[in-house]
């Protein structure tokens, strides 16, 4: 007789890898938004970082790196949100990627 390699079909879970890895899941992104204040003034917000990170240390490094002011705000629905002065969307996304906090495909940049 001839031995055949047969594969029996089983239920396939496309999100099994995302659940096993320590990275944020398929729907968990880091959202970087810009909010217009008054005139030319704007505010950049960063939300969706994992809770195990120290938001205060990230904020301290970002403030020093980009010469801007900012703070961490506790929101009821969104959790902790980092707010920065000015349009820092590209700077913050590059900083988070280079620091190894998130991967490039986990960042969503919103605004204008």
N, C-alpha and C. Protein backbone atom coordinates (compact mmCIF):
# COMPACT_ATOMS: atom_id res chain seq x y z
N UNK A 1 0.83 -1.18 0.00
CA UNK A 1 0.00 0.00 0.00
C UNK A 1 0.87 1.25 0.00
N UNK A 2 0.27 2.34 -0.38
CA UNK A 2 0.96 3.63 -0.42
C UNK A 2 0.49 4.48 0.75
N UNK A 3 1.46 5.04 1.47
CA UNK A 3 1.10 5.94 2.57
C UNK A 3 0.81 7.33 2.02
N UNK A 4 -0.34 7.85 2.34
CA UNK A 4 -0.74 9.18 1.89
C UNK A 4 -0.72 10.14 3.09
N UNK A 5 -0.26 11.33 2.83
CA UNK A 5 -0.30 12.35 3.87
C UNK A 5 -1.64 13.06 3.78
N UNK A 6 -2.50 12.72 4.68
CA UNK A 6 -3.83 13.33 4.69
C UNK A 6 -3.92 14.35 5.81
N UNK A 7 -4.56 15.46 5.49
CA UNK A 7 -4.81 16.47 6.51
C UNK A 7 -6.30 16.54 6.75
N UNK A 8 -6.67 16.33 7.97
CA UNK A 8 -8.08 16.38 8.32
C UNK A 8 -8.42 17.83 8.65
N UNK A 9 -9.44 18.40 8.01
CA UNK A 9 -9.79 19.80 8.29
C UNK A 9 -10.28 19.97 9.73
N UNK A 10 -9.79 21.02 10.35
CA UNK A 10 -10.20 21.35 11.71
C UNK A 10 -10.65 22.80 11.74
N UNK A 11 -11.23 23.19 12.83
CA UNK A 11 -11.66 24.58 12.97
C UNK A 11 -10.43 25.47 13.01
N UNK A 12 -10.42 26.50 12.20
CA UNK A 12 -9.28 27.41 12.10
C UNK A 12 -9.61 28.70 12.82
N UNK A 13 -8.75 29.10 13.73
CA UNK A 13 -8.93 30.36 14.45
C UNK A 13 -7.89 31.35 13.93
N UNK A 14 -8.30 32.34 13.13
CA UNK A 14 -7.33 33.28 12.56
C UNK A 14 -6.70 34.20 13.59
N UNK A 15 -7.30 34.31 14.78
CA UNK A 15 -6.78 35.22 15.79
C UNK A 15 -6.00 34.48 16.89
N UNK A 16 -5.70 33.23 16.68
CA UNK A 16 -5.00 32.44 17.70
C UNK A 16 -3.61 33.02 17.99
N UNK A 17 -2.91 33.47 16.96
CA UNK A 17 -1.57 34.02 17.16
C UNK A 17 -1.64 35.33 17.94
N UNK A 18 -2.63 36.15 17.65
CA UNK A 18 -2.75 37.43 18.34
C UNK A 18 -3.05 37.25 19.82
N UNK A 19 -3.82 36.21 20.16
CA UNK A 19 -4.14 35.97 21.56
C UNK A 19 -2.93 35.46 22.33
N UNK A 20 -2.09 34.66 21.67
CA UNK A 20 -0.94 34.07 22.33
C UNK A 20 0.18 35.07 22.55
N UNK A 21 0.37 35.99 21.62
CA UNK A 21 1.49 36.91 21.73
C UNK A 21 1.21 37.97 22.78
N UNK A 22 2.28 38.57 23.30
CA UNK A 22 2.14 39.61 24.31
C UNK A 22 1.77 40.95 23.70
N UNK A 23 1.82 41.04 22.38
CA UNK A 23 1.51 42.30 21.70
C UNK A 23 0.01 42.57 21.78
N UNK A 24 -0.37 43.83 21.57
CA UNK A 24 -1.80 44.13 21.56
C UNK A 24 -2.53 43.31 20.49
N UNK A 25 -3.79 43.00 20.73
CA UNK A 25 -4.56 42.16 19.83
C UNK A 25 -4.87 42.84 18.52
N UNK A 26 -5.70 42.19 17.73
CA UNK A 26 -6.00 42.67 16.38
C UNK A 26 -6.69 44.03 16.39
N UNK A 27 -7.51 44.29 17.39
CA UNK A 27 -8.26 45.55 17.43
C UNK A 27 -7.60 46.60 18.30
N UNK A 28 -6.53 46.28 18.98
CA UNK A 28 -5.91 47.22 19.90
C UNK A 28 -4.81 48.00 19.20
N UNK A 29 -5.10 49.26 18.97
CA UNK A 29 -4.14 50.15 18.32
C UNK A 29 -3.77 51.28 19.27
N UNK A 30 -2.66 51.92 18.97
CA UNK A 30 -2.31 53.16 19.64
C UNK A 30 -2.78 54.28 18.73
N UNK A 31 -3.69 55.09 19.22
CA UNK A 31 -4.27 56.16 18.42
C UNK A 31 -3.57 57.47 18.75
N UNK A 32 -3.07 58.15 17.71
CA UNK A 32 -2.44 59.46 17.86
C UNK A 32 -3.32 60.45 17.12
N UNK A 33 -3.89 61.39 17.88
CA UNK A 33 -4.85 62.34 17.29
C UNK A 33 -4.38 63.77 17.52
N UNK A 34 -4.91 64.66 16.68
CA UNK A 34 -4.67 66.09 16.86
C UNK A 34 -6.01 66.76 17.08
N UNK A 35 -6.05 67.68 18.03
CA UNK A 35 -7.26 68.45 18.31
C UNK A 35 -6.93 69.92 18.14
N UNK A 36 -7.76 70.62 17.41
CA UNK A 36 -7.56 72.04 17.20
C UNK A 36 -8.07 72.80 18.41
N UNK A 37 -7.26 73.69 18.94
CA UNK A 37 -7.71 74.51 20.07
C UNK A 37 -8.22 75.83 19.53
N UNK A 38 -7.52 76.90 19.73
CA UNK A 38 -7.96 78.19 19.21
C UNK A 38 -6.88 78.77 18.30
N UNK A 39 -7.28 79.27 17.16
CA UNK A 39 -6.32 79.81 16.21
C UNK A 39 -5.41 78.74 15.65
N UNK A 40 -4.10 78.96 15.78
CA UNK A 40 -3.14 78.00 15.27
C UNK A 40 -2.71 76.98 16.33
N UNK A 41 -3.23 77.10 17.52
CA UNK A 41 -2.83 76.20 18.61
C UNK A 41 -3.49 74.83 18.43
N UNK A 42 -2.73 73.79 18.74
CA UNK A 42 -3.27 72.43 18.63
C UNK A 42 -2.76 71.56 19.76
N UNK A 43 -3.39 70.42 19.92
CA UNK A 43 -3.10 69.49 21.00
C UNK A 43 -3.01 68.09 20.41
N UNK A 44 -1.94 67.35 20.73
CA UNK A 44 -1.77 65.97 20.26
C UNK A 44 -2.08 65.02 21.41
N UNK A 45 -2.92 64.02 21.15
CA UNK A 45 -3.25 63.04 22.18
C UNK A 45 -2.80 61.66 21.74
N UNK A 46 -2.30 60.89 22.70
CA UNK A 46 -1.85 59.52 22.47
C UNK A 46 -2.63 58.63 23.42
N UNK A 47 -3.37 57.66 22.87
CA UNK A 47 -4.13 56.74 23.71
C UNK A 47 -3.99 55.33 23.20
N UNK A 48 -4.21 54.37 24.08
CA UNK A 48 -4.18 52.97 23.69
C UNK A 48 -2.89 52.26 24.03
N UNK A 49 -1.97 52.92 24.74
CA UNK A 49 -0.76 52.23 25.16
C UNK A 49 -1.11 51.20 26.22
N UNK A 50 -0.32 50.15 26.30
CA UNK A 50 -0.60 49.11 27.28
C UNK A 50 -0.43 49.66 28.70
N UNK A 51 -1.18 49.11 29.63
CA UNK A 51 -1.21 49.63 31.00
C UNK A 51 0.08 49.36 31.76
N UNK A 52 0.87 48.39 31.29
CA UNK A 52 2.09 48.06 32.02
C UNK A 52 3.20 49.09 31.82
N UNK A 53 3.04 49.99 30.83
CA UNK A 53 4.03 51.03 30.60
C UNK A 53 3.83 52.17 31.59
N UNK A 54 4.91 52.84 31.94
CA UNK A 54 4.83 54.02 32.80
C UNK A 54 4.59 55.23 31.91
N UNK A 55 3.37 55.74 31.95
CA UNK A 55 3.01 56.88 31.11
C UNK A 55 3.84 58.11 31.46
N UNK A 56 4.14 58.27 32.74
CA UNK A 56 4.89 59.44 33.17
C UNK A 56 6.32 59.43 32.60
N UNK A 57 6.95 58.26 32.56
CA UNK A 57 8.31 58.18 32.01
C UNK A 57 8.30 58.42 30.50
N UNK A 58 7.30 57.87 29.81
CA UNK A 58 7.19 58.11 28.37
C UNK A 58 6.99 59.59 28.11
N UNK A 59 6.11 60.21 28.89
CA UNK A 59 5.83 61.64 28.73
C UNK A 59 7.09 62.47 28.99
N UNK A 60 7.84 62.12 30.01
CA UNK A 60 9.06 62.85 30.33
C UNK A 60 10.06 62.80 29.17
N UNK A 61 10.24 61.61 28.59
CA UNK A 61 11.18 61.47 27.47
C UNK A 61 10.69 62.21 26.23
N UNK A 62 9.39 62.14 25.96
CA UNK A 62 8.84 62.82 24.78
C UNK A 62 8.97 64.34 24.94
N UNK A 63 8.68 64.85 26.12
CA UNK A 63 8.77 66.29 26.36
C UNK A 63 10.21 66.79 26.17
N UNK A 64 11.16 66.00 26.68
CA UNK A 64 12.56 66.40 26.54
C UNK A 64 13.04 66.30 25.10
N UNK A 65 12.58 65.27 24.40
CA UNK A 65 13.02 65.03 23.02
C UNK A 65 12.50 66.10 22.05
N UNK A 66 11.24 66.50 22.21
CA UNK A 66 10.61 67.38 21.23
C UNK A 66 10.35 68.79 21.75
N UNK A 67 10.87 69.13 22.92
CA UNK A 67 10.76 70.48 23.47
C UNK A 67 9.32 70.97 23.48
N UNK A 68 8.45 70.20 24.07
CA UNK A 68 7.05 70.61 24.18
C UNK A 68 6.55 70.25 25.58
N UNK A 69 5.46 70.86 25.98
CA UNK A 69 4.88 70.56 27.28
C UNK A 69 3.79 69.52 27.10
N UNK A 70 3.41 68.85 28.17
CA UNK A 70 2.37 67.85 28.09
C UNK A 70 2.00 67.32 29.46
N UNK A 71 0.97 66.49 29.51
CA UNK A 71 0.55 65.88 30.75
C UNK A 71 -0.19 64.58 30.47
N UNK A 72 -0.43 63.81 31.54
CA UNK A 72 -1.18 62.57 31.45
C UNK A 72 -2.55 62.82 32.08
N UNK A 73 -3.62 62.51 31.32
CA UNK A 73 -4.98 62.74 31.78
C UNK A 73 -5.67 61.39 31.95
N UNK A 74 -6.38 61.22 33.06
CA UNK A 74 -7.15 59.99 33.30
C UNK A 74 -8.58 60.21 32.78
N UNK A 75 -8.99 59.40 31.80
CA UNK A 75 -10.33 59.50 31.23
C UNK A 75 -11.14 58.28 31.65
N UNK A 76 -12.44 58.47 31.87
CA UNK A 76 -13.28 57.37 32.33
C UNK A 76 -13.39 56.27 31.27
N UNK A 77 -13.60 56.64 30.02
CA UNK A 77 -13.79 55.66 28.94
C UNK A 77 -12.47 55.19 28.33
N UNK A 78 -11.53 56.09 28.15
CA UNK A 78 -10.31 55.78 27.39
C UNK A 78 -9.13 55.38 28.26
N UNK A 79 -9.23 55.55 29.56
CA UNK A 79 -8.10 55.24 30.42
C UNK A 79 -7.13 56.41 30.44
N UNK A 80 -5.84 56.13 30.53
CA UNK A 80 -4.84 57.20 30.55
C UNK A 80 -4.56 57.68 29.14
N UNK A 81 -4.50 59.00 28.98
CA UNK A 81 -4.24 59.62 27.68
C UNK A 81 -3.10 60.61 27.86
N UNK A 82 -2.11 60.57 26.97
CA UNK A 82 -1.01 61.53 27.00
C UNK A 82 -1.39 62.70 26.10
N UNK A 83 -1.30 63.92 26.62
CA UNK A 83 -1.58 65.13 25.84
C UNK A 83 -0.29 65.91 25.68
N UNK A 84 -0.03 66.38 24.46
CA UNK A 84 1.16 67.16 24.16
C UNK A 84 0.77 68.44 23.43
N UNK A 85 1.55 69.50 23.64
CA UNK A 85 1.30 70.75 22.94
C UNK A 85 1.81 70.65 21.52
N UNK A 86 1.04 71.21 20.58
CA UNK A 86 1.48 71.29 19.19
C UNK A 86 1.17 70.02 18.41
N UNK A 87 1.51 70.05 17.14
CA UNK A 87 1.29 68.91 16.24
C UNK A 87 2.52 68.01 16.32
N UNK A 88 2.46 67.00 17.16
CA UNK A 88 3.58 66.08 17.39
C UNK A 88 3.27 64.68 16.87
N UNK A 89 2.32 64.54 15.94
CA UNK A 89 1.88 63.20 15.52
C UNK A 89 3.02 62.37 14.93
N UNK A 90 3.73 62.91 13.98
CA UNK A 90 4.82 62.13 13.35
C UNK A 90 5.96 61.89 14.32
N UNK A 91 6.29 62.91 15.11
CA UNK A 91 7.38 62.77 16.08
C UNK A 91 7.08 61.68 17.09
N UNK A 92 5.85 61.68 17.63
CA UNK A 92 5.49 60.70 18.65
C UNK A 92 5.46 59.29 18.06
N UNK A 93 4.93 59.15 16.85
CA UNK A 93 4.88 57.81 16.24
C UNK A 93 6.29 57.27 16.01
N UNK A 94 7.21 58.11 15.52
CA UNK A 94 8.58 57.66 15.32
C UNK A 94 9.26 57.34 16.65
N UNK A 95 8.96 58.13 17.69
CA UNK A 95 9.54 57.88 19.01
C UNK A 95 9.07 56.54 19.57
N UNK A 96 7.77 56.26 19.47
CA UNK A 96 7.22 55.01 20.01
C UNK A 96 7.78 53.80 19.28
N UNK A 97 7.99 53.92 17.97
CA UNK A 97 8.55 52.80 17.20
C UNK A 97 10.03 52.60 17.55
N UNK A 98 10.80 53.70 17.60
CA UNK A 98 12.24 53.57 17.87
C UNK A 98 12.51 53.11 19.30
N UNK A 99 11.62 53.45 20.24
CA UNK A 99 11.80 53.01 21.63
C UNK A 99 11.35 51.57 21.83
N UNK A 100 10.68 50.99 20.83
CA UNK A 100 10.24 49.60 20.93
C UNK A 100 8.97 49.44 21.76
N UNK A 101 8.23 50.51 21.93
CA UNK A 101 6.99 50.44 22.72
C UNK A 101 5.88 49.79 21.91
N UNK A 102 5.76 50.16 20.64
CA UNK A 102 4.77 49.56 19.74
C UNK A 102 5.42 49.30 18.39
N UNK A 103 4.75 48.51 17.57
CA UNK A 103 5.20 48.26 16.21
C UNK A 103 4.52 49.25 15.27
N UNK A 104 5.07 49.40 14.10
CA UNK A 104 4.56 50.39 13.16
C UNK A 104 3.13 50.10 12.73
N UNK A 105 2.77 48.83 12.58
CA UNK A 105 1.42 48.49 12.12
C UNK A 105 0.38 48.60 13.23
N UNK A 106 0.78 48.93 14.45
CA UNK A 106 -0.16 49.08 15.56
C UNK A 106 -0.51 50.54 15.82
N UNK A 107 0.03 51.47 15.02
CA UNK A 107 -0.21 52.89 15.21
C UNK A 107 -1.20 53.40 14.20
N UNK A 108 -2.21 54.15 14.67
CA UNK A 108 -3.17 54.82 13.79
C UNK A 108 -3.03 56.31 14.05
N UNK A 109 -2.74 57.07 12.99
CA UNK A 109 -2.61 58.53 13.10
C UNK A 109 -3.88 59.15 12.52
N UNK A 110 -4.54 60.00 13.31
CA UNK A 110 -5.78 60.64 12.90
C UNK A 110 -5.57 62.15 12.78
N UNK A 111 -6.43 62.78 11.99
CA UNK A 111 -6.44 64.25 11.92
C UNK A 111 -6.07 64.77 10.57
N UNK A 112 -6.55 65.94 10.27
CA UNK A 112 -6.34 66.69 9.03
C UNK A 112 -6.20 65.77 7.85
